[in-house]
Each structure stands twice: as structure tokens, then as C-alpha cells.
């Protein structure tokens, strides 16, 4: 018969994997590491445009570093430059904020429903930059 501490370890193992699987399932789209200069503005406010740099991009959204981090839930209009093509204008919502030393340094933005031509351009760009394999 297992001791009490062993049964706790077994319980933790069985709950750990389902949580990990759910975390993996959240990523619906291929994500690439890419460093692009990006412009954005809040849809709800009269503020001007701000700048940032992407660190990754997918069909579902983008993570960007910026000194002008907006609160979670803020709707943004983003101008994403696509090398070799015209910038793509998309809208999205801030879903997460990354902090460094208690200071916001970047934000994860989930795109609103993408439609052509923006969808096609972003899909093409991601395919061109995905690692082989």
C-alpha cells in the first residue's frame, strides 16, 4: 500500500498532464519569431499612434514590446509592415501584458477575425518564415 506522501505525488502527476495539454491546445496557429517595427493606436481613444517591435506573430495575434503598453481589454488598430509588401492594417484586443521589474514592457494582442487580403498576406508571410521540418 502506498504511503500518504506517495499518493499525493501520484495525484499531482495525474492533474499536471491535463493542465499541460490544455495549455498546448490554446495555440491554434503557427507562430513565428519575427522582429518588425509596428505602429498602433487605441480604437476607443483619441490618442495618437504609438510604436513597438514584434517578437512573434501568428494568424491569431502578435506579441509586441512597447513603452506604450495599453491595459488588457483595450482594442487596437495595428499597422503590421510585411517585408516585400504593403503594410497590413488589422484590429485586435490586448489579452496579456508582460512585465519586467514591475514595469510593463510588452503586450499580447489577439487579432479580431482576419479576412482577406490581410489574412492571406499574414498566412503567406508566416509560411515563408517557418522553420523547415
N, C-alpha and C. Protein backbone atom coordinates (compact mmCIF):
# COMPACT_ATOMS: atom_id res chain seq x y z
N UNK A 1 0.85 -1.18 0.00
CA UNK A 1 0.00 0.00 0.00
C UNK A 1 0.89 1.24 0.00
N UNK A 2 0.52 2.25 -0.78
CA UNK A 2 1.31 3.48 -0.90
C UNK A 2 1.14 4.33 0.35
N UNK A 3 2.23 4.98 0.72
CA UNK A 3 2.14 5.89 1.86
C UNK A 3 1.36 7.13 1.44
N UNK A 4 0.99 7.92 2.43
CA UNK A 4 0.20 9.12 2.13
C UNK A 4 0.97 10.08 1.21
N UNK A 5 2.28 10.27 1.43
CA UNK A 5 3.04 11.18 0.58
C UNK A 5 3.13 10.67 -0.85
N UNK A 6 3.22 9.36 -1.05
CA UNK A 6 3.25 8.81 -2.40
C UNK A 6 1.93 9.03 -3.13
N UNK A 7 0.82 8.91 -2.42
CA UNK A 7 -0.46 9.11 -3.08
C UNK A 7 -0.64 10.57 -3.49
N UNK A 8 -0.09 11.50 -2.73
CA UNK A 8 -0.16 12.91 -3.10
C UNK A 8 0.65 13.15 -4.37
N UNK A 9 1.82 12.55 -4.47
CA UNK A 9 2.65 12.70 -5.66
C UNK A 9 1.91 12.14 -6.87
N UNK A 10 1.29 10.99 -6.73
CA UNK A 10 0.54 10.42 -7.85
C UNK A 10 -0.61 11.33 -8.25
N UNK A 11 -1.30 11.90 -7.28
CA UNK A 11 -2.40 12.82 -7.60
C UNK A 11 -1.89 14.03 -8.36
N UNK A 12 -0.75 14.57 -7.97
CA UNK A 12 -0.21 15.73 -8.66
C UNK A 12 0.17 15.39 -10.09
N UNK A 13 0.69 14.20 -10.29
CA UNK A 13 1.06 13.80 -11.65
C UNK A 13 -0.17 13.70 -12.54
N UNK A 14 -1.25 13.13 -12.03
CA UNK A 14 -2.42 12.97 -12.88
C UNK A 14 -3.10 14.30 -13.18
N UNK A 15 -2.98 15.29 -12.29
CA UNK A 15 -3.59 16.58 -12.60
C UNK A 15 -2.66 17.46 -13.42
N UNK A 16 -1.35 17.20 -13.37
CA UNK A 16 -0.40 18.04 -14.10
C UNK A 16 -0.55 17.89 -15.61
N UNK A 17 -0.62 16.69 -16.11
CA UNK A 17 -0.64 16.49 -17.55
C UNK A 17 -1.88 17.07 -18.23
N UNK A 18 -3.08 16.88 -17.68
CA UNK A 18 -4.22 17.51 -18.35
C UNK A 18 -4.09 19.03 -18.42
N UNK A 19 -3.56 19.68 -17.38
CA UNK A 19 -3.36 21.13 -17.43
C UNK A 19 -2.37 21.49 -18.52
N UNK A 20 -1.30 20.72 -18.64
CA UNK A 20 -0.29 20.98 -19.66
C UNK A 20 -0.89 20.81 -21.05
N UNK A 21 -1.72 19.78 -21.24
CA UNK A 21 -2.35 19.56 -22.54
C UNK A 21 -3.27 20.72 -22.89
N UNK A 22 -4.03 21.22 -21.93
CA UNK A 22 -4.91 22.36 -22.21
C UNK A 22 -4.10 23.57 -22.60
N UNK A 23 -2.95 23.79 -21.96
CA UNK A 23 -2.10 24.93 -22.28
C UNK A 23 -1.61 24.81 -23.72
N UNK A 24 -1.24 23.62 -24.16
CA UNK A 24 -0.77 23.42 -25.52
C UNK A 24 -1.89 23.62 -26.54
N UNK A 25 -3.11 23.24 -26.18
CA UNK A 25 -4.23 23.37 -27.10
C UNK A 25 -4.61 24.82 -27.36
N UNK A 26 -4.21 25.75 -26.52
CA UNK A 26 -4.57 27.15 -26.70
C UNK A 26 -3.98 27.73 -27.97
N UNK A 27 -2.84 27.26 -28.42
CA UNK A 27 -2.21 27.78 -29.63
C UNK A 27 -2.86 27.12 -30.84
N UNK A 28 -3.67 27.89 -31.54
CA UNK A 28 -4.37 27.36 -32.70
C UNK A 28 -3.56 27.51 -33.98
N UNK A 29 -2.66 28.48 -34.01
CA UNK A 29 -1.98 28.83 -35.25
C UNK A 29 -0.47 28.76 -35.10
N UNK A 30 0.20 28.51 -36.22
CA UNK A 30 1.67 28.51 -36.23
C UNK A 30 2.16 29.90 -35.84
N UNK A 31 3.20 29.94 -35.04
CA UNK A 31 3.75 31.21 -34.52
C UNK A 31 5.21 31.28 -34.94
N UNK A 32 5.60 32.45 -35.46
CA UNK A 32 6.99 32.63 -35.85
C UNK A 32 7.62 33.76 -35.04
N UNK A 33 8.91 33.63 -34.81
CA UNK A 33 9.68 34.72 -34.19
C UNK A 33 10.01 35.70 -35.29
N UNK A 34 9.66 36.96 -35.08
CA UNK A 34 9.94 37.97 -36.10
C UNK A 34 10.04 39.34 -35.43
N UNK A 35 10.98 40.13 -35.90
CA UNK A 35 11.23 41.45 -35.33
C UNK A 35 10.84 42.51 -36.36
N UNK A 36 9.65 43.06 -36.21
CA UNK A 36 9.14 44.07 -37.13
C UNK A 36 8.77 45.33 -36.35
N UNK A 37 9.03 46.47 -36.94
CA UNK A 37 8.56 47.74 -36.37
C UNK A 37 7.05 47.80 -36.61
N UNK A 38 6.27 48.12 -35.59
CA UNK A 38 4.81 48.11 -35.72
C UNK A 38 4.26 49.42 -35.17
N UNK A 39 3.21 49.91 -35.79
CA UNK A 39 2.52 51.11 -35.32
C UNK A 39 1.13 50.70 -34.83
N UNK A 40 0.65 51.37 -33.78
CA UNK A 40 -0.68 51.04 -33.29
C UNK A 40 -1.33 52.25 -32.66
N UNK A 41 -2.66 52.18 -32.56
CA UNK A 41 -3.41 53.21 -31.85
C UNK A 41 -4.63 52.57 -31.21
N UNK A 42 -5.09 53.19 -30.13
CA UNK A 42 -6.29 52.72 -29.45
C UNK A 42 -7.50 53.10 -30.28
N UNK A 43 -8.42 52.17 -30.47
CA UNK A 43 -9.63 52.44 -31.24
C UNK A 43 -10.59 53.33 -30.44
N UNK A 44 -10.62 53.14 -29.12
CA UNK A 44 -11.59 53.85 -28.29
C UNK A 44 -11.17 55.26 -27.88
N UNK A 45 -9.91 55.61 -28.02
CA UNK A 45 -9.47 56.92 -27.54
C UNK A 45 -8.97 57.78 -28.69
N UNK A 46 -8.75 59.02 -28.40
CA UNK A 46 -8.26 59.97 -29.41
C UNK A 46 -6.73 60.09 -29.37
N UNK A 47 -6.08 59.20 -28.63
CA UNK A 47 -4.61 59.24 -28.56
C UNK A 47 -4.03 59.06 -29.95
N UNK A 48 -2.82 59.51 -30.10
CA UNK A 48 -2.12 59.35 -31.37
C UNK A 48 -1.62 57.93 -31.57
N UNK A 49 -0.73 57.78 -32.53
CA UNK A 49 -0.14 56.48 -32.83
C UNK A 49 1.07 56.23 -31.95
N UNK A 50 1.30 54.95 -31.66
CA UNK A 50 2.44 54.53 -30.85
C UNK A 50 3.23 53.50 -31.64
N UNK A 51 4.44 53.25 -31.20
CA UNK A 51 5.28 52.27 -31.88
C UNK A 51 5.69 51.14 -30.96
N UNK A 52 6.11 50.06 -31.58
CA UNK A 52 6.61 48.91 -30.85
C UNK A 52 7.34 47.99 -31.81
N UNK A 53 7.86 46.88 -31.27
CA UNK A 53 8.55 45.88 -32.08
C UNK A 53 7.95 44.51 -31.76
N UNK A 54 7.65 43.77 -32.81
CA UNK A 54 7.10 42.44 -32.61
C UNK A 54 8.19 41.49 -32.14
N UNK A 55 7.79 40.47 -31.39
CA UNK A 55 8.73 39.39 -31.10
C UNK A 55 8.20 38.08 -31.68
N UNK A 56 6.89 37.98 -31.84
CA UNK A 56 6.33 36.83 -32.55
C UNK A 56 5.00 37.22 -33.19
N UNK A 57 4.64 36.43 -34.19
CA UNK A 57 3.45 36.73 -34.98
C UNK A 57 2.78 35.42 -35.37
N UNK A 58 1.46 35.40 -35.33
CA UNK A 58 0.70 34.26 -35.84
C UNK A 58 -0.55 34.80 -36.52
N UNK A 59 -1.29 33.92 -37.12
CA UNK A 59 -2.55 34.30 -37.74
C UNK A 59 -3.53 34.77 -36.67
N UNK A 60 -3.32 34.35 -35.44
CA UNK A 60 -4.24 34.71 -34.35
C UNK A 60 -3.86 35.95 -33.58
N UNK A 61 -2.60 36.41 -33.72
CA UNK A 61 -2.21 37.59 -32.95
C UNK A 61 -0.72 37.85 -33.01
N UNK A 62 -0.30 38.77 -32.15
CA UNK A 62 1.09 39.23 -32.15
C UNK A 62 1.49 39.57 -30.72
N UNK A 63 2.76 39.36 -30.41
CA UNK A 63 3.30 39.91 -29.16
C UNK A 63 4.25 41.02 -29.56
N UNK A 64 4.09 42.18 -28.90
CA UNK A 64 4.98 43.28 -29.22
C UNK A 64 5.49 43.95 -27.97
N UNK A 65 6.73 44.40 -28.06
CA UNK A 65 7.37 45.17 -27.00
C UNK A 65 7.12 46.64 -27.30
N UNK A 66 6.76 47.40 -26.27
CA UNK A 66 6.49 48.82 -26.46
C UNK A 66 6.62 49.54 -25.13
N UNK A 67 6.97 50.80 -25.19
CA UNK A 67 6.97 51.63 -23.99
C UNK A 67 5.57 52.17 -23.71
N UNK A 68 4.65 51.94 -24.62
CA UNK A 68 3.28 52.46 -24.50
C UNK A 68 2.29 51.31 -24.39
N UNK A 69 2.45 50.49 -23.35
CA UNK A 69 1.60 49.33 -23.15
C UNK A 69 0.20 49.79 -22.73
N UNK A 70 -0.81 49.20 -23.34
CA UNK A 70 -2.20 49.53 -23.05
C UNK A 70 -2.81 48.46 -22.14
N UNK A 71 -3.85 48.81 -21.38
CA UNK A 71 -4.46 47.84 -20.46
C UNK A 71 -5.11 46.66 -21.19
N UNK A 72 -5.18 45.52 -20.50
CA UNK A 72 -5.88 44.35 -21.03
C UNK A 72 -7.31 44.77 -21.37
N UNK A 73 -7.78 44.32 -22.51
CA UNK A 73 -9.12 44.65 -22.97
C UNK A 73 -9.18 45.81 -23.94
N UNK A 74 -8.06 46.56 -24.07
CA UNK A 74 -8.03 47.70 -24.99
C UNK A 74 -8.06 47.20 -26.43
N UNK A 75 -8.92 47.79 -27.24
CA UNK A 75 -8.97 47.46 -28.67
C UNK A 75 -8.02 48.36 -29.42
N UNK A 76 -7.22 47.76 -30.29
CA UNK A 76 -6.20 48.49 -31.03
C UNK A 76 -6.35 48.30 -32.53
N UNK A 77 -5.90 49.30 -33.26
CA UNK A 77 -5.69 49.17 -34.70
C UNK A 77 -4.19 49.10 -34.89
N UNK A 78 -3.73 48.08 -35.60
CA UNK A 78 -2.30 47.85 -35.79
C UNK A 78 -1.93 47.94 -37.26
N UNK A 79 -0.79 48.53 -37.51
CA UNK A 79 -0.24 48.56 -38.86
C UNK A 79 1.00 47.66 -38.83
N UNK A 80 0.88 46.50 -39.47
CA UNK A 80 1.94 45.49 -39.46
C UNK A 80 2.67 45.55 -40.80
N UNK A 81 3.95 45.96 -40.80
CA UNK A 81 4.69 46.02 -42.06
C UNK A 81 5.08 44.61 -42.51
N UNK A 82 4.80 44.30 -43.73
CA UNK A 82 5.18 42.99 -44.28
C UNK A 82 6.32 43.24 -45.27
N UNK A 83 7.53 42.78 -44.95
CA UNK A 83 8.65 42.99 -45.87
C UNK A 83 8.32 42.46 -47.27
N UNK A 84 8.59 43.28 -48.26
CA UNK A 84 8.31 42.90 -49.63
C UNK A 84 6.87 43.18 -50.05
N UNK A 85 6.09 43.79 -49.17
CA UNK A 85 4.70 44.09 -49.50
C UNK A 85 4.22 45.32 -48.76
N UNK A 86 2.96 45.59 -48.89
CA UNK A 86 2.36 46.74 -48.22
C UNK A 86 2.05 46.40 -46.77
N UNK A 87 2.02 47.40 -45.90
CA UNK A 87 1.62 47.15 -44.51
C UNK A 87 0.19 46.62 -44.45
N UNK A 88 -0.07 45.76 -43.48
CA UNK A 88 -1.40 45.20 -43.27
C UNK A 88 -2.02 45.92 -42.08
N UNK A 89 -3.25 46.39 -42.23
CA UNK A 89 -3.97 47.04 -41.14
C UNK A 89 -4.93 46.01 -40.55
N UNK A 90 -4.80 45.75 -39.24
CA UNK A 90 -5.66 44.79 -38.55
C UNK A 90 -6.12 45.41 -37.23
N UNK A 91 -7.18 44.85 -36.67
CA UNK A 91 -7.62 45.26 -35.34
C UNK A 91 -7.49 44.07 -34.41
N UNK A 92 -7.33 44.37 -33.13
CA UNK A 92 -7.19 43.32 -32.14
C UNK A 92 -7.41 43.86 -30.74
N UNK A 93 -7.33 42.96 -29.77
CA UNK A 93 -7.57 43.29 -28.38
C UNK A 93 -6.38 42.85 -27.54
N UNK A 94 -5.94 43.71 -26.63
CA UNK A 94 -4.86 43.36 -25.71
C UNK A 94 -5.37 42.26 -24.78
N UNK A 95 -4.69 41.12 -24.78
CA UNK A 95 -5.09 39.98 -23.94
C UNK A 95 -4.14 39.73 -22.78
N UNK A 96 -2.89 40.18 -22.90
CA UNK A 96 -1.93 39.95 -21.81
C UNK A 96 -0.88 41.06 -21.82
N UNK A 97 -0.29 41.25 -20.66
CA UNK A 97 0.78 42.24 -20.51
C UNK A 97 1.97 41.53 -19.88
N UNK A 98 3.15 41.77 -20.41
CA UNK A 98 4.39 41.21 -19.85
C UNK A 98 5.10 42.31 -19.07
N UNK A 99 5.57 41.94 -17.89
CA UNK A 99 6.26 42.88 -17.01
C UNK A 99 7.72 42.47 -16.84
N UNK A 100 8.56 43.46 -16.61
CA UNK A 100 9.96 43.23 -16.25
C UNK A 100 10.28 44.22 -15.13
N UNK A 101 10.68 43.69 -14.00
CA UNK A 101 10.96 44.53 -12.82
C UNK A 101 9.79 45.45 -12.51
N UNK A 102 8.60 44.86 -12.46
CA UNK A 102 7.35 45.57 -12.13
C UNK A 102 6.98 46.67 -13.11
N UNK A 103 7.53 46.63 -14.30
CA UNK A 103 7.23 47.64 -15.31
C UNK A 103 6.71 46.94 -16.56
N UNK A 104 5.59 47.42 -17.14
CA UNK A 104 5.08 46.77 -18.36
C UNK A 104 6.04 47.01 -19.52
N UNK A 105 6.34 45.94 -20.24
CA UNK A 105 7.29 46.05 -21.36
C UNK A 105 6.73 45.53 -22.68
N UNK A 106 5.57 44.91 -22.64
CA UNK A 106 5.01 44.39 -23.88
C UNK A 106 3.60 43.87 -23.68
N UNK A 107 2.95 43.56 -24.80
CA UNK A 107 1.58 43.08 -24.71
C UNK A 107 1.28 42.06 -25.80
N UNK A 108 0.47 41.09 -25.42
CA UNK A 108 -0.04 40.10 -26.36
C UNK A 108 -1.37 40.57 -26.90
N UNK A 109 -1.50 40.59 -28.21
CA UNK A 109 -2.70 41.10 -28.85
C UNK A 109 -3.32 40.00 -29.69
N UNK A 110 -4.59 39.73 -29.43
CA UNK A 110 -5.34 38.77 -30.23
C UNK A 110 -6.03 39.52 -31.35
N UNK A 111 -5.78 39.09 -32.59
CA UNK A 111 -6.43 39.74 -33.72
C UNK A 111 -7.92 39.46 -33.71
N UNK A 112 -8.70 40.46 -34.17
CA UNK A 112 -10.10 40.21 -34.47
C UNK A 112 -10.12 39.30 -35.69
N UNK A 113 -11.27 38.88 -36.06
CA UNK A 113 -11.39 37.98 -37.22
C UNK A 113 -10.69 38.59 -38.43
N UNK A 114 -9.67 37.90 -38.91
CA UNK A 114 -8.93 38.37 -40.09
C UNK A 114 -9.64 37.91 -41.35
N UNK A 115 -9.70 38.78 -42.31
CA UNK A 115 -10.27 38.44 -43.61
C UNK A 115 -9.28 38.85 -44.68
N UNK A 116 -9.47 38.32 -45.88
CA UNK A 116 -8.60 38.70 -47.00
C UNK A 116 -8.81 40.18 -47.29
N UNK A 117 -7.80 40.89 -47.70
CA UNK A 117 -6.47 40.40 -48.06
C UNK A 117 -5.52 40.25 -46.88
N UNK A 118 -5.82 40.84 -45.70
CA UNK A 118 -4.89 40.78 -44.57
C UNK A 118 -4.59 39.34 -44.16
N UNK A 119 -5.61 38.49 -44.11
CA UNK A 119 -5.42 37.10 -43.72
C UNK A 119 -4.44 36.40 -44.66
N UNK A 120 -4.65 36.54 -45.95
CA UNK A 120 -3.77 35.89 -46.93
C UNK A 120 -2.33 36.37 -46.83
N UNK A 121 -2.14 37.66 -46.64
CA UNK A 121 -0.79 38.22 -46.55
C UNK A 121 -0.09 37.70 -45.30
N UNK A 122 -0.77 37.69 -44.16
CA UNK A 122 -0.14 37.20 -42.93
C UNK A 122 0.14 35.71 -43.03
N UNK A 123 -0.77 34.92 -43.57
CA UNK A 123 -0.52 33.48 -43.75
C UNK A 123 0.69 33.25 -44.65
N UNK A 124 0.78 33.98 -45.75
CA UNK A 124 1.92 33.85 -46.67
C UNK A 124 3.22 34.18 -45.94
N UNK A 125 3.25 35.29 -45.21
CA UNK A 125 4.45 35.72 -44.51
C UNK A 125 4.89 34.67 -43.49
N UNK A 126 3.95 34.12 -42.75
CA UNK A 126 4.28 33.09 -41.74
C UNK A 126 4.84 31.85 -42.42
N UNK A 127 4.22 31.40 -43.51
CA UNK A 127 4.74 30.22 -44.23
C UNK A 127 6.17 30.45 -44.72
N UNK A 128 6.47 31.66 -45.18
CA UNK A 128 7.81 31.98 -45.68
C UNK A 128 8.86 31.94 -44.58
N UNK A 129 8.46 32.14 -43.33
CA UNK A 129 9.41 32.26 -42.23
C UNK A 129 9.37 31.11 -41.23
N UNK A 130 8.57 30.09 -41.51
CA UNK A 130 8.53 28.93 -40.62
C UNK A 130 9.76 28.07 -40.84
N UNK A 131 10.30 27.53 -39.75
CA UNK A 131 11.44 26.61 -39.91
C UNK A 131 11.00 25.36 -40.66
N UNK A 132 11.90 24.81 -41.45
CA UNK A 132 11.62 23.56 -42.17
C UNK A 132 11.45 22.44 -41.16
N UNK A 133 10.59 21.50 -41.47
CA UNK A 133 10.50 20.34 -40.60
C UNK A 133 9.16 19.97 -40.35
